[in-house]
Amino acid sequence: SASFAVVTGSRCRDNGPPVRWDLLAHSVDTLVVYMGIGRLEAIREE
């Protein structure tokens, strides 16, 4: 792994831009998700 990214699994405002899981799936080697346990299944599926 030569790169990592941190991302939030939840957002405090529904009108915020969506997390770009399409880019994160392949743009970094290691992905760290904060506040994501409640949305683990959705993150996994994305």
ModelCIF file with pLDDT and N, C-alpha, C, O atoms, coordinates in Angstrom:
data_MODEL
#
_entry.id   MODEL 
#
_entity.id                         1 
_entity.type                       polymer 
_entity.pdbx_number_of_molecules   1 
#
_entity_poly.entity_id                      1 
_entity_poly.type                           'polypeptide(L)' 
_entity_poly.nstd_linkage                   no 
_entity_poly.nstd_monomer                   no 
_entity_poly.pdbx_seq_one_letter_code       SASFAVVTGSRCRDNGPPVRWDLLAHSVDTLVVYMGIGRLEAIREE 
_entity_poly.pdbx_seq_one_letter_code_can   SASFAVVTGSRCRDNGPPVRWDLLAHSVDTLVVYMGIGRLEAIREE 
_entity_poly.pdbx_strand_id                 A 
#
loop_
_entity_poly_seq.entity_id 
_entity_poly_seq.num 
_entity_poly_seq.mon_id 
_entity_poly_seq.hetero 
1 1  SER n 
1 2  ALA n 
1 3  SER n 
1 4  PHE n 
1 5  ALA n 
1 6  VAL n 
1 7  VAL n 
1 8  THR n 
1 9  GLY n 
1 10 SER n 
1 11 ARG n 
1 12 CYS n 
1 13 ARG n 
1 14 ASP n 
1 15 ASN n 
1 16 GLY n 
1 17 PRO n 
1 18 PRO n 
1 19 VAL n 
1 20 ARG n 
1 21 TRP n 
1 22 ASP n 
1 23 LEU n 
1 24 LEU n 
1 25 ALA n 
1 26 HIS n 
1 27 SER n 
1 28 VAL n 
1 29 ASP n 
1 30 THR n 
1 31 LEU n 
1 32 VAL n 
1 33 VAL n 
1 34 TYR n 
1 35 MET n 
1 36 GLY n 
1 37 ILE n 
1 38 GLY n 
1 39 ARG n 
1 40 LEU n 
1 41 GLU n 
1 42 ALA n 
1 43 ILE n 
1 44 ARG n 
1 45 GLU n 
1 46 GLU n 
#
_struct_asym.id          A 
_struct_asym.entity_id   1 
#
loop_
_ma_qa_metric.id 
_ma_qa_metric.mode 
_ma_qa_metric.name 
_ma_qa_metric.software_group_id 
_ma_qa_metric.type 
1 global pLDDT . pLDDT 
2 local  pLDDT . pLDDT 
#
_ma_qa_metric_global.metric_id      1 
_ma_qa_metric_global.metric_value   89.17 
_ma_qa_metric_global.model_id       1 
_ma_qa_metric_global.ordinal_id     1 
#
loop_
_ma_qa_metric_local.label_asym_id 
_ma_qa_metric_local.label_comp_id 
_ma_qa_metric_local.label_seq_id 
_ma_qa_metric_local.metric_id 
_ma_qa_metric_local.metric_value 
_ma_qa_metric_local.model_id 
_ma_qa_metric_local.ordinal_id 
A SER 1  2 96.00 1 1  
A ALA 2  2 96.00 1 2  
A SER 3  2 97.00 1 3  
A PHE 4  2 97.00 1 4  
A ALA 5  2 97.00 1 5  
A VAL 6  2 96.00 1 6  
A VAL 7  2 96.00 1 7  
A THR 8  2 93.00 1 8  
A GLY 9  2 90.00 1 9  
A SER 10 2 76.00 1 10 
A ARG 11 2 62.00 1 11 
A CYS 12 2 49.00 1 12 
A ARG 13 2 49.00 1 13 
A ASP 14 2 52.00 1 14 
A ASN 15 2 60.00 1 15 
A GLY 16 2 68.00 1 16 
A PRO 17 2 79.00 1 17 
A PRO 18 2 85.00 1 18 
A VAL 19 2 91.00 1 19 
A ARG 20 2 93.00 1 20 
A TRP 21 2 95.00 1 21 
A ASP 22 2 95.00 1 22 
A LEU 23 2 95.00 1 23 
A LEU 24 2 95.00 1 24 
A ALA 25 2 95.00 1 25 
A HIS 26 2 94.00 1 26 
A SER 27 2 94.00 1 27 
A VAL 28 2 96.00 1 28 
A ASP 29 2 97.00 1 29 
A THR 30 2 98.00 1 30 
A LEU 31 2 97.00 1 31 
A VAL 32 2 98.00 1 32 
A VAL 33 2 97.00 1 33 
A TYR 34 2 95.00 1 34 
A MET 35 2 92.00 1 35 
A GLY 36 2 94.00 1 36 
A ILE 37 2 95.00 1 37 
A GLY 38 2 93.00 1 38 
A ARG 39 2 94.00 1 39 
A LEU 40 2 96.00 1 40 
A GLU 41 2 96.00 1 41 
A ALA 42 2 95.00 1 42 
A ILE 43 2 96.00 1 43 
A ARG 44 2 96.00 1 44 
A GLU 45 2 96.00 1 45 
A GLU 46 2 96.00 1 46 
#
loop_
_atom_site.group_PDB 
_atom_site.id 
_atom_site.type_symbol 
_atom_site.label_atom_id 
_atom_site.label_alt_id 
_atom_site.label_comp_id 
_atom_site.label_asym_id 
_atom_site.label_entity_id 
_atom_site.label_seq_id 
_atom_site.pdbx_PDB_ins_code 
_atom_site.Cartn_x 
_atom_site.Cartn_y 
_atom_site.Cartn_z 
_atom_site.occupancy 
_atom_site.B_iso_or_equiv 
_atom_site.pdbx_formal_charge 
_atom_site.auth_seq_id 
_atom_site.auth_comp_id 
_atom_site.auth_asym_id 
_atom_site.auth_atom_id 
_atom_site.pdbx_PDB_model_num 
ATOM 1   N N  . SER A 1 1  ? 0.838   -1.200 0.000  1.00 96.00 ? 1  SER A N  1 
ATOM 2   C CA . SER A 1 1  ? 0.000   0.000  0.000  1.00 96.00 ? 1  SER A CA 1 
ATOM 3   C C  . SER A 1 1  ? 0.869   1.244  0.000  1.00 96.00 ? 1  SER A C  1 
ATOM 4   O O  . SER A 1 1  ? 1.694   1.442  0.892  1.00 96.00 ? 1  SER A O  1 
ATOM 5   N N  . ALA A 1 2  ? 0.675   2.079  -1.011 1.00 96.00 ? 2  ALA A N  1 
ATOM 6   C CA . ALA A 1 2  ? 1.413   3.340  -1.110 1.00 96.00 ? 2  ALA A CA 1 
ATOM 7   C C  . ALA A 1 2  ? 0.506   4.539  -0.879 1.00 96.00 ? 2  ALA A C  1 
ATOM 8   O O  . ALA A 1 2  ? 0.943   5.681  -1.024 1.00 96.00 ? 2  ALA A O  1 
ATOM 9   N N  . SER A 1 3  ? -0.765  4.292  -0.518 1.00 97.00 ? 3  SER A N  1 
ATOM 10  C CA . SER A 1 3  ? -1.703  5.398  -0.310 1.00 97.00 ? 3  SER A CA 1 
ATOM 11  C C  . SER A 1 3  ? -2.834  4.948  0.592  1.00 97.00 ? 3  SER A C  1 
ATOM 12  O O  . SER A 1 3  ? -3.162  3.764  0.664  1.00 97.00 ? 3  SER A O  1 
ATOM 13  N N  . PHE A 1 4  ? -3.428  5.920  1.283  1.00 97.00 ? 4  PHE A N  1 
ATOM 14  C CA . PHE A 1 4  ? -4.636  5.623  2.042  1.00 97.00 ? 4  PHE A CA 1 
ATOM 15  C C  . PHE A 1 4  ? -5.529  6.854  2.049  1.00 97.00 ? 4  PHE A C  1 
ATOM 16  O O  . PHE A 1 4  ? -5.068  7.978  1.853  1.00 97.00 ? 4  PHE A O  1 
ATOM 17  N N  . ALA A 1 5  ? -6.802  6.621  2.275  1.00 97.00 ? 5  ALA A N  1 
ATOM 18  C CA . ALA A 1 5  ? -7.779  7.702  2.349  1.00 97.00 ? 5  ALA A CA 1 
ATOM 19  C C  . ALA A 1 5  ? -8.672  7.470  3.546  1.00 97.00 ? 5  ALA A C  1 
ATOM 20  O O  . ALA A 1 5  ? -8.954  6.331  3.917  1.00 97.00 ? 5  ALA A O  1 
ATOM 21  N N  . VAL A 1 6  ? -9.121  8.572  4.152  1.00 96.00 ? 6  VAL A N  1 
ATOM 22  C CA . VAL A 1 6  ? -10.104 8.496  5.227  1.00 96.00 ? 6  VAL A CA 1 
ATOM 23  C C  . VAL A 1 6  ? -11.389 9.145  4.735  1.00 96.00 ? 6  VAL A C  1 
ATOM 24  O O  . VAL A 1 6  ? -11.361 10.161 4.041  1.00 96.00 ? 6  VAL A O  1 
ATOM 25  N N  . VAL A 1 7  ? -12.506 8.547  5.100  1.00 96.00 ? 7  VAL A N  1 
ATOM 26  C CA . VAL A 1 7  ? -13.797 9.022  4.611  1.00 96.00 ? 7  VAL A CA 1 
ATOM 27  C C  . VAL A 1 7  ? -14.837 8.778  5.695  1.00 96.00 ? 7  VAL A C  1 
ATOM 28  O O  . VAL A 1 7  ? -14.706 7.837  6.479  1.00 96.00 ? 7  VAL A O  1 
ATOM 29  N N  . THR A 1 8  ? -15.848 9.601  5.746  1.00 93.00 ? 8  THR A N  1 
ATOM 30  C CA . THR A 1 8  ? -16.922 9.396  6.693  1.00 93.00 ? 8  THR A CA 1 
ATOM 31  C C  . THR A 1 8  ? -17.992 8.496  6.093  1.00 93.00 ? 8  THR A C  1 
ATOM 32  O O  . THR A 1 8  ? -18.339 8.620  4.919  1.00 93.00 ? 8  THR A O  1 
ATOM 33  N N  . GLY A 1 9  ? -18.504 7.598  6.908  1.00 90.00 ? 9  GLY A N  1 
ATOM 34  C CA . GLY A 1 9  ? -19.570 6.715  6.448  1.00 90.00 ? 9  GLY A CA 1 
ATOM 35  C C  . GLY A 1 9  ? -20.942 7.299  6.636  1.00 90.00 ? 9  GLY A C  1 
ATOM 36  O O  . GLY A 1 9  ? -21.925 6.732  6.159  1.00 90.00 ? 9  GLY A O  1 
ATOM 37  N N  . SER A 1 10 ? -21.035 8.437  7.329  1.00 76.00 ? 10 SER A N  1 
ATOM 38  C CA . SER A 1 10 ? -22.320 9.100  7.537  1.00 76.00 ? 10 SER A CA 1 
ATOM 39  C C  . SER A 1 10 ? -22.135 10.587 7.326  1.00 76.00 ? 10 SER A C  1 
ATOM 40  O O  . SER A 1 10 ? -21.014 11.095 7.352  1.00 76.00 ? 10 SER A O  1 
ATOM 41  N N  . ARG A 1 11 ? -23.225 11.273 7.119  1.00 62.00 ? 11 ARG A N  1 
ATOM 42  C CA . ARG A 1 11 ? -23.184 12.715 6.914  1.00 62.00 ? 11 ARG A CA 1 
ATOM 43  C C  . ARG A 1 11 ? -24.228 13.375 7.800  1.00 62.00 ? 11 ARG A C  1 
ATOM 44  O O  . ARG A 1 11 ? -25.311 12.834 8.023  1.00 62.00 ? 11 ARG A O  1 
ATOM 45  N N  . CYS A 1 12 ? -23.878 14.561 8.302  1.00 49.00 ? 12 CYS A N  1 
ATOM 46  C CA . CYS A 1 12 ? -24.805 15.238 9.198  1.00 49.00 ? 12 CYS A CA 1 
ATOM 47  C C  . CYS A 1 12 ? -25.903 15.954 8.432  1.00 49.00 ? 12 CYS A C  1 
ATOM 48  O O  . CYS A 1 12 ? -26.916 16.331 9.020  1.00 49.00 ? 12 CYS A O  1 
ATOM 49  N N  . ARG A 1 13 ? -25.722 16.150 7.129  1.00 49.00 ? 13 ARG A N  1 
ATOM 50  C CA . ARG A 1 13 ? -26.748 16.823 6.339  1.00 49.00 ? 13 ARG A CA 1 
ATOM 51  C C  . ARG A 1 13 ? -27.083 15.964 5.127  1.00 49.00 ? 13 ARG A C  1 
ATOM 52  O O  . ARG A 1 13 ? -26.193 15.529 4.396  1.00 49.00 ? 13 ARG A O  1 
ATOM 53  N N  . ASP A 1 14 ? -28.355 15.729 4.925  1.00 52.00 ? 14 ASP A N  1 
ATOM 54  C CA . ASP A 1 14 ? -28.780 14.877 3.826  1.00 52.00 ? 14 ASP A CA 1 
ATOM 55  C C  . ASP A 1 14 ? -28.472 15.486 2.466  1.00 52.00 ? 14 ASP A C  1 
ATOM 56  O O  . ASP A 1 14 ? -28.372 14.766 1.473  1.00 52.00 ? 14 ASP A O  1 
ATOM 57  N N  . ASN A 1 15 ? -28.319 16.814 2.413  1.00 60.00 ? 15 ASN A N  1 
ATOM 58  C CA . ASN A 1 15 ? -28.097 17.453 1.120  1.00 60.00 ? 15 ASN A CA 1 
ATOM 59  C C  . ASN A 1 15 ? -26.615 17.552 0.757  1.00 60.00 ? 15 ASN A C  1 
ATOM 60  O O  . ASN A 1 15 ? -26.263 18.203 -0.226 1.00 60.00 ? 15 ASN A O  1 
ATOM 61  N N  . GLY A 1 16 ? -25.741 16.909 1.546  1.00 68.00 ? 16 GLY A N  1 
ATOM 62  C CA . GLY A 1 16 ? -24.325 16.931 1.219  1.00 68.00 ? 16 GLY A CA 1 
ATOM 63  C C  . GLY A 1 16 ? -24.024 16.059 0.013  1.00 68.00 ? 16 GLY A C  1 
ATOM 64  O O  . GLY A 1 16 ? -24.808 15.167 -0.312 1.00 68.00 ? 16 GLY A O  1 
ATOM 65  N N  . PRO A 1 17 ? -22.905 16.299 -0.656 1.00 79.00 ? 17 PRO A N  1 
ATOM 66  C CA . PRO A 1 17 ? -22.545 15.472 -1.808 1.00 79.00 ? 17 PRO A CA 1 
ATOM 67  C C  . PRO A 1 17 ? -22.309 14.032 -1.386 1.00 79.00 ? 17 PRO A C  1 
ATOM 68  O O  . PRO A 1 17 ? -21.781 13.788 -0.301 1.00 79.00 ? 17 PRO A O  1 
ATOM 69  N N  . PRO A 1 18 ? -22.687 13.081 -2.213 1.00 85.00 ? 18 PRO A N  1 
ATOM 70  C CA . PRO A 1 18 ? -22.517 11.667 -1.846 1.00 85.00 ? 18 PRO A CA 1 
ATOM 71  C C  . PRO A 1 18 ? -21.050 11.266 -1.814 1.00 85.00 ? 18 PRO A C  1 
ATOM 72  O O  . PRO A 1 18 ? -20.222 11.838 -2.523 1.00 85.00 ? 18 PRO A O  1 
ATOM 73  N N  . VAL A 1 19 ? -20.744 10.286 -0.993 1.00 91.00 ? 19 VAL A N  1 
ATOM 74  C CA . VAL A 1 19 ? -19.395 9.720  -0.977 1.00 91.00 ? 19 VAL A CA 1 
ATOM 75  C C  . VAL A 1 19 ? -19.160 9.016  -2.307 1.00 91.00 ? 19 VAL A C  1 
ATOM 76  O O  . VAL A 1 19 ? -20.009 8.246  -2.756 1.00 91.00 ? 19 VAL A O  1 
ATOM 77  N N  . ARG A 1 20 ? -18.024 9.269  -2.937 1.00 93.00 ? 20 ARG A N  1 
ATOM 78  C CA . ARG A 1 20 ? -17.729 8.677  -4.247 1.00 93.00 ? 20 ARG A CA 1 
ATOM 79  C C  . ARG A 1 20 ? -17.090 7.306  -4.073 1.00 93.00 ? 20 ARG A C  1 
ATOM 80  O O  . ARG A 1 20 ? -15.886 7.135  -4.263 1.00 93.00 ? 20 ARG A O  1 
ATOM 81  N N  . TRP A 1 21 ? -17.923 6.330  -3.707 1.00 95.00 ? 21 TRP A N  1 
ATOM 82  C CA . TRP A 1 21 ? -17.417 4.980  -3.540 1.00 95.00 ? 21 TRP A CA 1 
ATOM 83  C C  . TRP A 1 21 ? -16.885 4.411  -4.845 1.00 95.00 ? 21 TRP A C  1 
ATOM 84  O O  . TRP A 1 21 ? -16.017 3.538  -4.836 1.00 95.00 ? 21 TRP A O  1 
ATOM 85  N N  . ASP A 1 22 ? -17.405 4.903  -5.973 1.00 95.00 ? 22 ASP A N  1 
ATOM 86  C CA . ASP A 1 22 ? -16.910 4.432  -7.271 1.00 95.00 ? 22 ASP A CA 1 
ATOM 87  C C  . ASP A 1 22 ? -15.443 4.782  -7.464 1.00 95.00 ? 22 ASP A C  1 
ATOM 88  O O  . ASP A 1 22 ? -14.688 4.010  -8.056 1.00 95.00 ? 22 ASP A O  1 
ATOM 89  N N  . LEU A 1 23 ? -15.036 5.954  -6.961 1.00 95.00 ? 23 LEU A N  1 
ATOM 90  C CA . LEU A 1 23 ? -13.627 6.345  -7.063 1.00 95.00 ? 23 LEU A CA 1 
ATOM 91  C C  . LEU A 1 23 ? -12.792 5.705  -5.954 1.00 95.00 ? 23 LEU A C  1 
ATOM 92  O O  . LEU A 1 23 ? -11.672 5.258  -6.201 1.00 95.00 ? 23 LEU A O  1 
ATOM 93  N N  . LEU A 1 24 ? -13.326 5.660  -4.747 1.00 95.00 ? 24 LEU A N  1 
ATOM 94  C CA . LEU A 1 24 ? -12.571 5.124  -3.615 1.00 95.00 ? 24 LEU A CA 1 
ATOM 95  C C  . LEU A 1 24 ? -12.302 3.632  -3.748 1.00 95.00 ? 24 LEU A C  1 
ATOM 96  O O  . LEU A 1 24 ? -11.340 3.121  -3.175 1.00 95.00 ? 24 LEU A O  1 
ATOM 97  N N  . ALA A 1 25 ? -13.142 2.931  -4.499 1.00 95.00 ? 25 ALA A N  1 
ATOM 98  C CA . ALA A 1 25 ? -12.970 1.484  -4.655 1.00 95.00 ? 25 ALA A CA 1 
ATOM 99  C C  . ALA A 1 25 ? -11.633 1.140  -5.299 1.00 95.00 ? 25 ALA A C  1 
ATOM 100 O O  . ALA A 1 25 ? -11.104 0.051  -5.079 1.00 95.00 ? 25 ALA A O  1 
ATOM 101 N N  . HIS A 1 26 ? -11.075 2.066  -6.099 1.00 94.00 ? 26 HIS A N  1 
ATOM 102 C CA . HIS A 1 26 ? -9.856  1.730  -6.840 1.00 94.00 ? 26 HIS A CA 1 
ATOM 103 C C  . HIS A 1 26 ? -8.769  2.807  -6.803 1.00 94.00 ? 26 HIS A C  1 
ATOM 104 O O  . HIS A 1 26 ? -7.661  2.569  -7.285 1.00 94.00 ? 26 HIS A O  1 
ATOM 105 N N  . SER A 1 27 ? -9.057  3.977  -6.246 1.00 94.00 ? 27 SER A N  1 
ATOM 106 C CA . SER A 1 27 ? -8.090  5.077  -6.331 1.00 94.00 ? 27 SER A CA 1 
ATOM 107 C C  . SER A 1 27 ? -7.060  5.067  -5.213 1.00 94.00 ? 27 SER A C  1 
ATOM 108 O O  . SER A 1 27 ? -6.023  5.719  -5.333 1.00 94.00 ? 27 SER A O  1 
ATOM 109 N N  . VAL A 1 28 ? -7.323  4.336  -4.118 1.00 96.00 ? 28 VAL A N  1 
ATOM 110 C CA . VAL A 1 28 ? -6.358  4.247  -3.009 1.00 96.00 ? 28 VAL A CA 1 
ATOM 111 C C  . VAL A 1 28 ? -6.175  2.789  -2.619 1.00 96.00 ? 28 VAL A C  1 
ATOM 112 O O  . VAL A 1 28 ? -7.021  1.939  -2.898 1.00 96.00 ? 28 VAL A O  1 
ATOM 113 N N  . ASP A 1 29 ? -5.051  2.522  -1.967 1.00 97.00 ? 29 ASP A N  1 
ATOM 114 C CA . ASP A 1 29 ? -4.750  1.141  -1.579 1.00 97.00 ? 29 ASP A CA 1 
ATOM 115 C C  . ASP A 1 29 ? -5.444  0.735  -0.284 1.00 97.00 ? 29 ASP A C  1 
ATOM 116 O O  . ASP A 1 29 ? -5.933  -0.387 -0.160 1.00 97.00 ? 29 ASP A O  1 
ATOM 117 N N  . THR A 1 30 ? -5.484  1.654  0.682  1.00 98.00 ? 30 THR A N  1 
ATOM 118 C CA . THR A 1 30 ? -6.114  1.372  1.970  1.00 98.00 ? 30 THR A CA 1 
ATOM 119 C C  . THR A 1 30 ? -7.190  2.418  2.229  1.00 98.00 ? 30 THR A C  1 
ATOM 120 O O  . THR A 1 30 ? -6.964  3.615  2.051  1.00 98.00 ? 30 THR A O  1 
ATOM 121 N N  . LEU A 1 31 ? -8.349  1.957  2.645  1.00 97.00 ? 31 LEU A N  1 
ATOM 122 C CA . LEU A 1 31 ? -9.477  2.854  2.886  1.00 97.00 ? 31 LEU A CA 1 
ATOM 123 C C  . LEU A 1 31 ? -9.887  2.742  4.353  1.00 97.00 ? 31 LEU A C  1 
ATOM 124 O O  . LEU A 1 31 ? -10.106 1.644  4.865  1.00 97.00 ? 31 LEU A O  1 
ATOM 125 N N  . VAL A 1 32 ? -9.988  3.889  5.021  1.00 98.00 ? 32 VAL A N  1 
ATOM 126 C CA . VAL A 1 32 ? -10.407 3.928  6.417  1.00 98.00 ? 32 VAL A CA 1 
ATOM 127 C C  . VAL A 1 32 ? -11.716 4.702  6.504  1.00 98.00 ? 32 VAL A C  1 
ATOM 128 O O  . VAL A 1 32 ? -11.805 5.844  6.054  1.00 98.00 ? 32 VAL A O  1 
ATOM 129 N N  . VAL A 1 33 ? -12.721 4.073  7.083  1.00 97.00 ? 33 VAL A N  1 
ATOM 130 C CA . VAL A 1 33 ? -14.045 4.690  7.161  1.00 97.00 ? 33 VAL A CA 1 
ATOM 131 C C  . VAL A 1 33 ? -14.374 5.005  8.611  1.00 97.00 ? 33 VAL A C  1 
ATOM 132 O O  . VAL A 1 33 ? -14.419 4.112  9.457  1.00 97.00 ? 33 VAL A O  1 
ATOM 133 N N  . TYR A 1 34 ? -14.604 6.290  8.892  1.00 95.00 ? 34 TYR A N  1 
ATOM 134 C CA . TYR A 1 34 ? -15.078 6.738  10.193 1.00 95.00 ? 34 TYR A CA 1 
ATOM 135 C C  . TYR A 1 34 ? -16.613 6.654  10.216 1.00 95.00 ? 34 TYR A C  1 
ATOM 136 O O  . TYR A 1 34 ? -17.265 6.778  9.179  1.00 95.00 ? 34 TYR A O  1 
ATOM 137 N N  . MET A 1 35 ? -17.165 6.446  11.389 1.00 92.00 ? 35 MET A N  1 
ATOM 138 C CA . MET A 1 35 ? -18.621 6.543  11.600 1.00 92.00 ? 35 MET A CA 1 
ATOM 139 C C  . MET A 1 35 ? -19.395 5.739  10.556 1.00 92.00 ? 35 MET A C  1 
ATOM 140 O O  . MET A 1 35 ? -20.395 6.204  10.009 1.00 92.00 ? 35 MET A O  1 
ATOM 141 N N  . GLY A 1 36 ? -18.913 4.527  10.292 1.00 94.00 ? 36 GLY A N  1 
ATOM 142 C CA . GLY A 1 36 ? -19.534 3.742  9.242  1.00 94.00 ? 36 GLY A CA 1 
ATOM 143 C C  . GLY A 1 36 ? -20.185 2.447  9.676  1.00 94.00 ? 36 GLY A C  1 
ATOM 144 O O  . GLY A 1 36 ? -20.764 1.747  8.846  1.00 94.00 ? 36 GLY A O  1 
ATOM 145 N N  . ILE A 1 37 ? -20.108 2.105  10.960 1.00 95.00 ? 37 ILE A N  1 
ATOM 146 C CA . ILE A 1 37 ? -20.631 0.811  11.406 1.00 95.00 ? 37 ILE A CA 1 
ATOM 147 C C  . ILE A 1 37 ? -22.129 0.697  11.139 1.00 95.00 ? 37 ILE A C  1 
ATOM 148 O O  . ILE A 1 37 ? -22.613 -0.362 10.741 1.00 95.00 ? 37 ILE A O  1 
ATOM 149 N N  . GLY A 1 38 ? -22.853 1.779  11.358 1.00 93.00 ? 38 GLY A N  1 
ATOM 150 C CA . GLY A 1 38 ? -24.288 1.742  11.124 1.00 93.00 ? 38 GLY A CA 1 
ATOM 151 C C  . GLY A 1 38 ? -24.669 1.591  9.666  1.00 93.00 ? 38 GLY A C  1 
ATOM 152 O O  . GLY A 1 38 ? -25.804 1.238  9.349  1.00 93.00 ? 38 GLY A O  1 
ATOM 153 N N  . ARG A 1 39 ? -23.719 1.858  8.774  1.00 94.00 ? 39 ARG A N  1 
ATOM 154 C CA . ARG A 1 39 ? -23.971 1.740  7.333  1.00 94.00 ? 39 ARG A CA 1 
ATOM 155 C C  . ARG A 1 39 ? -23.042 0.727  6.688  1.00 94.00 ? 39 ARG A C  1 
ATOM 156 O O  . ARG A 1 39 ? -22.784 0.779  5.485  1.00 94.00 ? 39 ARG A O  1 
ATOM 157 N N  . LEU A 1 40 ? -22.545 -0.192 7.496  1.00 96.00 ? 40 LEU A N  1 
ATOM 158 C CA . LEU A 1 40 ? -21.552 -1.142 6.995  1.00 96.00 ? 40 LEU A CA 1 
ATOM 159 C C  . LEU A 1 40 ? -22.058 -1.926 5.793  1.00 96.00 ? 40 LEU A C  1 
ATOM 160 O O  . LEU A 1 40 ? -21.324 -2.089 4.819  1.00 96.00 ? 40 LEU A O  1 
ATOM 161 N N  . GLU A 1 41 ? -23.261 -2.401 5.838  1.00 96.00 ? 41 GLU A N  1 
ATOM 162 C CA . GLU A 1 41 ? -23.775 -3.206 4.737  1.00 96.00 ? 41 GLU A CA 1 
ATOM 163 C C  . GLU A 1 41 ? -23.886 -2.384 3.460  1.00 96.00 ? 41 GLU A C  1 
ATOM 164 O O  . GLU A 1 41 ? -23.562 -2.876 2.379  1.00 96.00 ? 41 GLU A O  1 
ATOM 165 N N  . ALA A 1 42 ? -24.340 -1.135 3.570  1.00 95.00 ? 42 ALA A N  1 
ATOM 166 C CA . ALA A 1 42 ? -24.451 -0.270 2.396  1.00 95.00 ? 42 ALA A CA 1 
ATOM 167 C C  . ALA A 1 42 ? -23.075 0.050  1.816  1.00 95.00 ? 42 ALA A C  1 
ATOM 168 O O  . ALA A 1 42 ? -22.904 0.078  0.597  1.00 95.00 ? 42 ALA A O  1 
ATOM 169 N N  . ILE A 1 43 ? -22.095 0.292  2.688  1.00 96.00 ? 43 ILE A N  1 
ATOM 170 C CA . ILE A 1 43 ? -20.730 0.578  2.227  1.00 96.00 ? 43 ILE A CA 1 
ATOM 171 C C  . ILE A 1 43 ? -20.157 -0.638 1.518  1.00 96.00 ? 43 ILE A C  1 
ATOM 172 O O  . ILE A 1 43 ? -19.551 -0.522 0.453  1.00 96.00 ? 43 ILE A O  1 
ATOM 173 N N  . ARG A 1 44 ? -20.355 -1.794 2.115  1.00 96.00 ? 44 ARG A N  1 
ATOM 174 C CA . ARG A 1 44 ? -19.867 -3.043 1.519  1.00 96.00 ? 44 ARG A CA 1 
ATOM 175 C C  . ARG A 1 44 ? -20.477 -3.249 0.127  1.00 96.00 ? 44 ARG A C  1 
ATOM 176 O O  . ARG A 1 44 ? -19.765 -3.592 -0.816 1.00 96.00 ? 44 ARG A O  1 
ATOM 177 N N  . GLU A 1 45 ? -21.768 -3.045 -0.001 1.00 96.00 ? 45 GLU A N  1 
ATOM 178 C CA . GLU A 1 45 ? -22.439 -3.240 -1.277 1.00 96.00 ? 45 GLU A CA 1 
ATOM 179 C C  . GLU A 1 45 ? -21.961 -2.240 -2.332 1.00 96.00 ? 45 GLU A C  1 
ATOM 180 O O  . GLU A 1 45 ? -21.822 -2.590 -3.504 1.00 96.00 ? 45 GLU A O  1 
ATOM 181 N N  . GLU A 1 46 ? -21.712 -0.999 -1.914 1.00 96.00 ? 46 GLU A N  1 
ATOM 182 C CA . GLU A 1 46 ? -21.231 0.011  -2.855 1.00 96.00 ? 46 GLU A CA 1 
ATOM 183 C C  . GLU A 1 46 ? -19.852 -0.363 -3.400 1.00 96.00 ? 46 GLU A C  1 
ATOM 184 O O  . GLU A 1 46 ? -19.288 0.374  -4.209 1.00 96.00 ? 46 GLU A O  1 
#
